[in-house]
C-alpha atoms as a PDB file:
ATOM      1  CA  MET A   1     104.644 195.131 132.289  1.00  0.00           C
ATOM      2  CA  ASN A   2     101.294 195.949 133.787  1.00  0.00           C
ATOM      3  CA  ILE A   3     100.100 198.055 130.642  1.00  0.00           C
ATOM      4  CA  THR A   4     101.173 195.092 128.355  1.00  0.00           C
ATOM      5  CA  LYS A   5      99.088 192.811 130.683  1.00  0.00           C
ATOM      6  CA  ASN A   6      96.041 195.054 130.591  1.00  0.00           C
ATOM      7  CA  LYS A   7      96.039 195.430 126.918  1.00  0.00           C
ATOM      8  CA  SER A   8      96.216 191.603 126.563  1.00  0.00           C
ATOM      9  CA  ILE A   9      93.237 191.341 128.661  1.00  0.00           C
ATOM     10  CA  ILE A  10      91.242 193.841 126.991  1.00  0.00           C
ATOM     11  CA  VAL A  11      92.101 192.187 123.545  1.00  0.00           C
ATOM     12  CA  ILE A  12      90.991 188.790 124.881  1.00  0.00           C
ATOM     13  CA  PHE A  13      87.832 190.460 126.394  1.00  0.00           C
ATOM     14  CA  VAL A  14      86.927 192.138 122.812  1.00  0.00           C
ATOM     15  CA  LEU A  15      87.581 188.750 121.208  1.00  0.00           C
ATOM     16  CA  PHE A  16      85.162 187.015 123.488  1.00  0.00           C
ATOM     17  CA  LEU A  17      82.600 189.658 122.675  1.00  0.00           C
ATOM     18  CA  CYS A  18      83.079 189.369 119.023  1.00  0.00           C
ATOM     19  CA  LEU A  19      82.838 185.613 119.271  1.00  0.00           C
ATOM     20  CA  GLY A  20      79.597 185.680 121.446  1.00  0.00           C
ATOM     21  CA  SER A  21      77.987 188.224 118.842  1.00  0.00           C
ATOM     22  CA  ALA A  22      78.898 186.039 115.862  1.00  0.00           C
ATOM     23  CA  ILE A  23      77.257 182.964 117.837  1.00  0.00           C
ATOM     24  CA  LEU A  24      74.258 185.141 118.613  1.00  0.00           C
ATOM     25  CA  TYR A  25      73.835 186.177 115.056  1.00  0.00           C
ATOM     26  CA  LYS A  26      74.148 182.744 113.658  1.00  0.00           C
ATOM     27  CA  TYR A  27      71.422 181.309 115.807  1.00  0.00           C
ATOM     28  CA  ARG A  28      69.355 184.357 115.919  1.00  0.00           C
ATOM     29  CA  SER A  29      66.382 182.644 114.318  1.00  0.00           C
ATOM     30  CA  LYS A  30      66.427 179.573 116.529  1.00  0.00           C
ATOM     31  CA  ILE A  31      66.743 181.949 119.751  1.00  0.00           C
ATOM     32  CA  TYR A  32      63.693 184.097 118.358  1.00  0.00           C
ATOM     33  CA  TYR A  33      61.492 181.155 117.781  1.00  0.00           C
ATOM     34  CA  ALA A  34      62.382 179.484 120.946  1.00  0.00           C
ATOM     35  CA  LYS A  35      61.514 182.881 122.898  1.00  0.00           C
ATOM     36  CA  LYS A  36      58.213 183.036 120.877  1.00  0.00           C
ATOM     37  CA  TYR A  37      57.256 179.350 121.890  1.00  0.00           C
ATOM     38  CA  LEU A  38      57.944 179.825 125.583  1.00  0.00           C
ATOM     39  CA  ILE A  39      55.866 183.090 125.437  1.00  0.00           C
ATOM     40  CA  GLU A  40      53.003 181.500 123.633  1.00  0.00           C
ATOM     41  CA  LYS A  41      52.959 178.507 125.610  1.00  0.00           C
ATOM     42  CA  GLU A  42      52.598 180.313 128.723  1.00  0.00           C
ATOM     43  CA  GLN A  43      49.634 182.386 127.044  1.00  0.00           C
ATOM     44  CA  TYR A  44      47.861 179.273 126.435  1.00  0.00           C
ATOM     45  CA  ARG A  45      48.761 177.372 129.893  1.00  0.00           C
ATOM     46  CA  TYR A  46      45.689 178.171 131.848  1.00  0.00           C
ATOM     47  CA  LYS A  47      42.854 179.023 129.673  1.00  0.00           C
ATOM     48  CA  ALA A  48      39.748 177.136 129.989  1.00  0.00           C
ATOM     49  CA  THR A  49      38.931 174.739 127.303  1.00  0.00           C
ATOM     50  CA  THR A  50      35.067 174.463 128.087  1.00  0.00           C
ATOM     51  CA  ASN A  51      32.878 174.857 130.960  1.00  0.00           C
ATOM     52  CA  PRO A  52      34.190 172.470 133.741  1.00  0.00           C
ATOM     53  CA  LEU A  53      32.596 169.306 134.395  1.00  0.00           C
ATOM     54  CA  ARG A  54      30.996 168.264 137.625  1.00  0.00           C
ATOM     55  CA  ASP A  55      33.935 167.179 139.850  1.00  0.00           C
ATOM     56  CA  LYS A  56      33.538 163.435 140.284  1.00  0.00           C
ATOM     57  CA  ILE A  57      36.902 162.959 142.107  1.00  0.00           C
ATOM     58  CA  PRO A  58      35.910 161.484 145.650  1.00  0.00           C
ATOM     59  CA  ASN A  59      37.172 163.367 148.706  1.00  0.00           C
ATOM     60  CA  SER A  60      38.034 160.212 150.384  1.00  0.00           C
ATOM     61  CA  PRO A  61      41.456 158.947 149.163  1.00  0.00           C
ATOM     62  CA  ASN A  62      40.247 155.324 149.775  1.00  0.00           C
ATOM     63  CA  GLU A  63      37.692 155.882 146.917  1.00  0.00           C
ATOM     64  CA  ILE A  64      39.992 157.623 144.618  1.00  0.00           C
ATOM     65  CA  ILE A  65      40.237 155.431 141.213  1.00  0.00           C
ATOM     66  CA  PHE A  66      44.044 155.788 140.332  1.00  0.00           C
ATOM     67  CA  GLY A  67      46.095 154.571 137.439  1.00  0.00           C
ATOM     68  CA  LEU A  68      49.730 154.277 136.099  1.00  0.00           C
ATOM     69  CA  ASP A  69      51.543 154.995 132.940  1.00  0.00           C
ATOM     70  CA  LEU A  70      54.426 153.088 131.951  1.00  0.00           C
ATOM     71  CA  SER A  71      56.828 152.171 128.979  1.00  0.00           C
ATOM     72  CA  HIS A  72      60.083 150.351 128.402  1.00  0.00           C
ATOM     73  CA  HIS A  73      61.758 152.731 130.858  1.00  0.00           C
ATOM     74  CA  GLN A  74      60.223 150.611 133.592  1.00  0.00           C
ATOM     75  CA  ARG A  75      62.171 147.279 132.609  1.00  0.00           C
ATOM     76  CA  HIS A  76      62.023 145.295 135.699  1.00  0.00           C
ATOM     77  CA  ILE A  77      58.554 144.881 137.033  1.00  0.00           C
ATOM     78  CA  ASN A  78      57.624 142.592 140.066  1.00  0.00           C
ATOM     79  CA  TRP A  79      54.148 141.902 138.964  1.00  0.00           C
ATOM     80  CA  LYS A  80      53.409 139.979 142.122  1.00  0.00           C
ATOM     81  CA  LYS A  81      54.174 142.993 144.298  1.00  0.00           C
ATOM     82  CA  VAL A  82      52.281 145.300 142.192  1.00  0.00           C
ATOM     83  CA  ALA A  83      49.251 143.104 142.616  1.00  0.00           C
ATOM     84  CA  GLN A  84      49.599 143.529 146.406  1.00  0.00           C
ATOM     85  CA  ASN A  85      48.293 147.026 145.998  1.00  0.00           C
ATOM     86  CA  PRO A  86      47.452 147.259 142.255  1.00  0.00           C
ATOM     87  CA  PRO A  87      46.274 150.420 140.602  1.00  0.00           C
ATOM     88  CA  HIS A  88      42.920 150.377 138.907  1.00  0.00           C
ATOM     89  CA  PHE A  89      44.390 150.899 135.422  1.00  0.00           C
ATOM     90  CA  ILE A  90      47.623 151.126 133.517  1.00  0.00           C
ATOM     91  CA  LEU A  91      48.252 152.781 130.242  1.00  0.00           C
ATOM     92  CA  PHE A  92      51.234 151.546 128.329  1.00  0.00           C
ATOM     93  CA  LYS A  93      53.154 153.257 125.566  1.00  0.00           C
ATOM     94  CA  ALA A  94      52.693 151.026 122.447  1.00  0.00           C
ATOM     95  CA  THR A  95      54.189 153.134 119.649  1.00  0.00           C
ATOM     96  CA  GLU A  96      55.881 156.385 118.651  1.00  0.00           C
ATOM     97  CA  GLY A  97      56.028 158.022 115.153  1.00  0.00           C
ATOM     98  CA  SER A  98      55.362 155.601 112.258  1.00  0.00           C
ATOM     99  CA  SER A  99      57.692 152.809 112.997  1.00  0.00           C
ATOM    100  CA  HIS A 100      58.781 152.807 116.505  1.00  0.00           C
ATOM    101  CA  ARG A 101      57.373 150.033 118.840  1.00  0.00           C
ATOM    102  CA  ASP A 102      57.868 150.051 122.627  1.00  0.00           C
ATOM    103  CA  SER A 103      59.845 146.986 123.286  1.00  0.00           C
ATOM    104  CA  LYS A 104      58.084 146.069 126.536  1.00  0.00           C
ATOM    105  CA  TYR A 105      54.547 146.758 125.249  1.00  0.00           C
ATOM    106  CA  LYS A 106      53.314 143.323 124.671  1.00  0.00           C
ATOM    107  CA  HIS A 107      55.081 141.876 127.806  1.00  0.00           C
ATOM    108  CA  HIS A 108      53.678 144.635 130.299  1.00  0.00           C
ATOM    109  CA  ILE A 109      50.166 144.341 129.007  1.00  0.00           C
ATOM    110  CA  LYS A 110      50.085 140.791 129.180  1.00  0.00           C
ATOM    111  CA  GLU A 111      51.392 140.714 132.861  1.00  0.00           C
ATOM    112  CA  ALA A 112      48.752 143.499 133.802  1.00  0.00           C
ATOM    113  CA  ARG A 113      45.813 141.520 132.276  1.00  0.00           C
ATOM    114  CA  ASN A 114      47.234 138.330 134.033  1.00  0.00           C
ATOM    115  CA  HIS A 115      46.781 140.370 137.255  1.00  0.00           C
ATOM    116  CA  ASN A 116      43.236 141.587 136.389  1.00  0.00           C
ATOM    117  CA  ILE A 117      44.198 145.235 136.018  1.00  0.00           C
ATOM    118  CA  ILE A 118      42.227 147.333 133.325  1.00  0.00           C
ATOM    119  CA  VAL A 119      44.845 148.196 130.469  1.00  0.00           C
ATOM    120  CA  GLY A 120      45.242 150.516 127.537  1.00  0.00           C
ATOM    121  CA  GLY A 121      47.710 151.758 125.123  1.00  0.00           C
ATOM    122  CA  TYR A 122      48.913 155.153 123.913  1.00  0.00           C
ATOM    123  CA  HIS A 123      50.897 156.308 121.038  1.00  0.00           C
ATOM    124  CA  PHE A 124      53.487 159.119 121.341  1.00  0.00           C
ATOM    125  CA  PHE A 125      53.024 161.703 118.504  1.00  0.00           C
ATOM    126  CA  SER A 126      55.820 162.673 116.230  1.00  0.00           C
ATOM    127  CA  TYR A 127      56.257 165.777 114.078  1.00  0.00           C
ATOM    128  CA  GLN A 128      58.241 163.784 111.551  1.00  0.00           C
ATOM    129  CA  SER A 129      55.501 161.588 109.770  1.00  0.00           C
ATOM    130  CA  SER A 130      51.860 162.024 108.837  1.00  0.00           C
ATOM    131  CA  GLY A 131      49.135 161.653 111.261  1.00  0.00           C
ATOM    132  CA  LYS A 132      47.424 158.672 109.098  1.00  0.00           C
ATOM    133  CA  GLY A 133      50.571 156.644 108.980  1.00  0.00           C
ATOM    134  CA  GLN A 134      51.178 157.042 112.837  1.00  0.00           C
ATOM    135  CA  ALA A 135      47.442 155.891 113.392  1.00  0.00           C
ATOM    136  CA  LYS A 136      47.698 152.756 111.248  1.00  0.00           C
ATOM    137  CA  HIS A 137      51.156 151.833 112.878  1.00  0.00           C
ATOM    138  CA  PHE A 138      49.427 152.371 116.469  1.00  0.00           C
ATOM    139  CA  LEU A 139      46.309 150.364 115.755  1.00  0.00           C
ATOM    140  CA  LYS A 140      48.385 147.529 114.193  1.00  0.00           C
ATOM    141  CA  GLN A 141      50.578 147.282 117.423  1.00  0.00           C
ATOM    142  CA  LEU A 142      47.728 148.059 119.912  1.00  0.00           C
ATOM    143  CA  GLN A 143      45.649 144.884 119.378  1.00  0.00           C
ATOM    144  CA  ILE A 144      42.854 146.476 121.217  1.00  0.00           C
ATOM    145  CA  GLN A 145      40.515 143.983 123.222  1.00  0.00           C
ATOM    146  CA  LYS A 146      37.086 144.378 124.759  1.00  0.00           C
ATOM    147  CA  GLY A 147      37.306 145.925 128.140  1.00  0.00           C
ATOM    148  CA  ASP A 148      40.445 147.982 127.148  1.00  0.00           C
ATOM    149  CA  ILE A 149      40.680 151.725 128.000  1.00  0.00           C
ATOM    150  CA  LEU A 150      40.123 153.626 124.506  1.00  0.00           C
ATOM    151  CA  PRO A 151      43.489 154.290 122.621  1.00  0.00           C
ATOM    152  CA  VAL A 152      45.209 157.329 123.795  1.00  0.00           C
ATOM    153  CA  LEU A 153      47.173 159.984 121.866  1.00  0.00           C
ATOM    154  CA  ASP A 154      50.014 161.432 123.535  1.00  0.00           C
ATOM    155  CA  VAL A 155      50.720 165.124 121.982  1.00  0.00           C
ATOM    156  CA  GLU A 156      53.455 167.059 123.591  1.00  0.00           C
ATOM    157  CA  PHE A 157      55.388 170.330 123.103  1.00  0.00           C
ATOM    158  CA  THR A 158      58.903 169.526 121.685  1.00  0.00           C
ATOM    159  CA  GLY A 159      61.970 171.324 120.476  1.00  0.00           C
ATOM    160  CA  THR A 160      61.014 170.577 116.864  1.00  0.00           C
ATOM    161  CA  MET A 161      57.561 171.300 115.786  1.00  0.00           C
ATOM    162  CA  GLN A 162      55.872 171.944 112.480  1.00  0.00           C
ATOM    163  CA  SER A 163      53.481 174.628 111.740  1.00  0.00           C
ATOM    164  CA  ASP A 164      50.104 175.266 113.576  1.00  0.00           C
ATOM    165  CA  GLU A 165      48.317 174.262 110.469  1.00  0.00           C
ATOM    166  CA  TRP A 166      50.303 170.977 110.008  1.00  0.00           C
ATOM    167  CA  ILE A 167      49.733 169.879 113.720  1.00  0.00           C
ATOM    168  CA  THR A 168      46.208 170.538 113.553  1.00  0.00           C
ATOM    169  CA  GLN A 169      45.563 168.655 110.528  1.00  0.00           C
ATOM    170  CA  ASN A 170      47.764 165.725 111.163  1.00  0.00           C
ATOM    171  CA  ILE A 171      46.514 165.189 114.521  1.00  0.00           C
ATOM    172  CA  ALA A 172      42.790 165.188 113.076  1.00  0.00           C
ATOM    173  CA  ASP A 173      44.002 162.688 110.441  1.00  0.00           C
ATOM    174  CA  PHE A 174      44.946 160.489 113.376  1.00  0.00           C
ATOM    175  CA  ILE A 175      41.818 160.875 115.193  1.00  0.00           C
ATOM    176  CA  ASP A 176      39.839 160.280 112.085  1.00  0.00           C
ATOM    177  CA  VAL A 177      41.774 156.863 111.506  1.00  0.00           C
ATOM    178  CA  VAL A 178      41.324 155.498 114.931  1.00  0.00           C
ATOM    179  CA  GLU A 179      37.549 156.733 115.003  1.00  0.00           C
ATOM    180  CA  ASN A 180      36.902 154.892 111.570  1.00  0.00           C
ATOM    181  CA  GLU A 181      38.607 151.790 112.815  1.00  0.00           C
ATOM    182  CA  ILE A 182      37.127 151.321 116.504  1.00  0.00           C
ATOM    183  CA  GLY A 183      33.893 153.603 116.172  1.00  0.00           C
ATOM    184  CA  LYS A 184      35.149 156.000 118.985  1.00  0.00           C
ATOM    185  CA  LYS A 185      37.756 159.088 119.210  1.00  0.00           C
ATOM    186  CA  PRO A 186      40.963 158.513 120.903  1.00  0.00           C
ATOM    187  CA  ILE A 187      41.311 159.926 124.369  1.00  0.00           C
ATOM    188  CA  ILE A 188      44.069 162.738 124.229  1.00  0.00           C
ATOM    189  CA  TYR A 189      46.937 163.159 126.765  1.00  0.00           C
ATOM    190  CA  CYS A 190      48.277 166.643 126.836  1.00  0.00           C
ATOM    191  CA  GLU A 191      49.067 169.885 128.702  1.00  0.00           C
ATOM    192  CA  ILE A 192      46.103 172.360 128.866  1.00  0.00           C
ATOM    193  CA  ALA A 193      48.197 174.803 126.769  1.00  0.00           C
ATOM    194  CA  TYR A 194      48.637 172.357 124.014  1.00  0.00           C
ATOM    195  CA  TYR A 195      45.055 171.722 123.859  1.00  0.00           C
ATOM    196  CA  ASN A 196      44.031 175.403 123.728  1.00  0.00           C
ATOM    197  CA  ARG A 197      46.385 176.096 120.898  1.00  0.00           C
ATOM    198  CA  TYR A 198      46.148 173.121 118.549  1.00  0.00           C
ATOM    199  CA  LEU A 199      42.788 171.282 119.398  1.00  0.00           C
ATOM    200  CA  LYS A 200      40.325 173.641 121.005  1.00  0.00           C
ATOM    201  CA  PRO A 201      39.602 175.624 117.851  1.00  0.00           C
ATOM    202  CA  LYS A 202      38.482 172.569 116.072  1.00  0.00           C
ATOM    203  CA  TYR A 203      37.034 170.333 118.639  1.00  0.00           C
ATOM    204  CA  GLY A 204      35.954 172.510 121.552  1.00  0.00           C
ATOM    205  CA  ASP A 205      34.779 169.977 124.120  1.00  0.00           C
ATOM    206  CA  GLU A 206      34.218 167.203 121.919  1.00  0.00           C
ATOM    207  CA  LEU A 207      37.495 165.319 122.924  1.00  0.00           C
ATOM    208  CA  GLN A 208      37.860 163.369 126.094  1.00  0.00           C
ATOM    209  CA  LEU A 209      41.024 164.721 127.922  1.00  0.00           C
ATOM    210  CA  TRP A 210      43.927 163.190 129.868  1.00  0.00           C
ATOM    211  CA  LEU A 211      45.479 166.322 131.270  1.00  0.00           C
ATOM    212  CA  SER A 212      48.796 166.732 132.800  1.00  0.00           C
ATOM    213  CA  ASP A 213      49.292 169.407 135.519  1.00  0.00           C
ATOM    214  CA  PHE A 214      51.806 168.799 138.257  1.00  0.00           C
ATOM    215  CA  LYS A 215      50.818 171.942 140.110  1.00  0.00           C
ATOM    216  CA  ARG A 216      46.924 171.841 140.581  1.00  0.00           C
ATOM    217  CA  LYS A 217      43.899 170.206 139.460  1.00  0.00           C
ATOM    218  CA  PRO A 218      42.738 171.352 136.077  1.00  0.00           C
ATOM    219  CA  LYS A 219      39.865 173.608 135.959  1.00  0.00           C
ATOM    220  CA  ASN A 220      38.823 172.217 132.634  1.00  0.00           C
ATOM    221  CA  HIS A 221      37.004 169.313 131.456  1.00  0.00           C
ATOM    222  CA  PHE A 222      39.107 166.068 131.693  1.00  0.00           C
ATOM    223  CA  ILE A 223      38.544 162.452 132.536  1.00  0.00           C
ATOM    224  CA  ILE A 224      42.130 161.582 133.816  1.00  0.00           C
ATOM    225  CA  TRP A 225      44.457 164.052 135.698  1.00  0.00           C
ATOM    226  CA  GLN A 226      48.086 163.302 135.696  1.00  0.00           C
ATOM    227  CA  THR A 227      49.446 164.709 138.919  1.00  0.00           C
ATOM    228  CA  THR A 228      52.921 163.840 139.348  1.00  0.00           C
ATOM    229  CA  ASP A 229      55.727 161.640 138.089  1.00  0.00           C
ATOM    230  CA  LYS A 230      57.188 160.946 141.721  1.00  0.00           C
ATOM    231  CA  TYR A 231      54.716 158.252 142.653  1.00  0.00           C
ATOM    232  CA  LYS A 232      56.304 155.099 144.380  1.00  0.00           C
ATOM    233  CA  GLN A 233      54.604 151.849 143.416  1.00  0.00           C
ATOM    234  CA  VAL A 234      55.245 148.758 145.301  1.00  0.00           C
ATOM    235  CA  GLY A 235      56.992 146.282 142.721  1.00  0.00           C
ATOM    236  CA  ILE A 236      58.387 148.941 140.245  1.00  0.00           C
ATOM    237  CA  PRO A 237      61.812 150.817 140.851  1.00  0.00           C
ATOM    238  CA  GLY A 238      62.266 154.244 140.962  1.00  0.00           C
ATOM    239  CA  THR A 239      59.153 156.652 140.460  1.00  0.00           C
ATOM    240  CA  VAL A 240      56.357 156.646 138.063  1.00  0.00           C
ATOM    241  CA  ASP A 241      53.634 158.819 136.731  1.00  0.00           C
ATOM    242  CA  TYR A 242      50.318 158.770 138.884  1.00  0.00           C
ATOM    243  CA  ASN A 243      46.900 159.382 137.361  1.00  0.00           C
ATOM    244  CA  ILE A 244      43.648 160.127 139.044  1.00  0.00           C
ATOM    245  CA  PHE A 245      40.234 159.373 137.186  1.00  0.00           C
ATOM    246  CA  ASN A 246      37.750 161.783 137.368  1.00  0.00           C
ATOM    247  CA  GLY A 247      34.805 159.524 138.365  1.00  0.00           C
ATOM    248  CA  THR A 248      34.095 155.928 140.007  1.00  0.00           C
ATOM    249  CA  LYS A 249      35.102 152.600 138.705  1.00  0.00           C
ATOM    250  CA  SER A 250      31.755 151.948 137.070  1.00  0.00           C
ATOM    251  CA  ASP A 251      32.332 155.331 135.350  1.00  0.00           C
ATOM    252  CA  LEU A 252      35.739 154.107 134.039  1.00  0.00           C
ATOM    253  CA  MET A 253      33.867 151.445 132.192  1.00  0.00           C
ATOM    254  CA  ASN A 254      32.239 154.138 129.817  1.00  0.00           C
ATOM    255  CA  PHE A 255      35.694 154.944 128.514  1.00  0.00           C
ATOM    256  CA  THR A 256      36.674 151.294 127.592  1.00  0.00           C
ATOM    257  CA  TYR A 257      36.240 149.522 124.211  1.00  0.00           C
END
């Protein structure tokens, strides 16, 4: 009885091994590229882009110029309460890809302007459509006004990405369309690893960076530093992204339209 039971256990174990091997074989290329992606991302993560700028962030928290970035995920905002301790600026998601529009963008940006908060819009870059098409879609929805923060291009690592050449070229196309339209390049939101891999070889220190790093202040040149996504803002349920501007409020005006 025990021998039969042991044989059954061995057979089941062997079947599991075979099944696992078959699954690994089927997805071997995806596993390989996932591993390669993680290794390369880590290699690029903390490399300097250029010589650091002079650190303009004040030591006193009372003098820090801070802002939020919001999207349709923040559906219910009590703007009267936000205005009790308002951020100096807010960047709102406007578009994604070549056709998606953020459902709350127009409402949010109108409310923020009504409460005298400096505003701007950002576009979340997609790897499924051309950079030119995305830029035209973004500018159409953005409807930038004098005094707004310059347009922002949000580029991030995702699970499905094109070749390095495709990414570099289409981001460059996006930047060119925006610059031809408003006379200035967009601000780039990204991780330092992303910038080092896809943008540094072409642009060096030419672009203005909004860097995301939740562990430490970037050693690289940047104009905005996204420090956390756990900030509590009166008037907004849950937590939101918190960003520190690298300078004074008058310096911030240098990055407006």
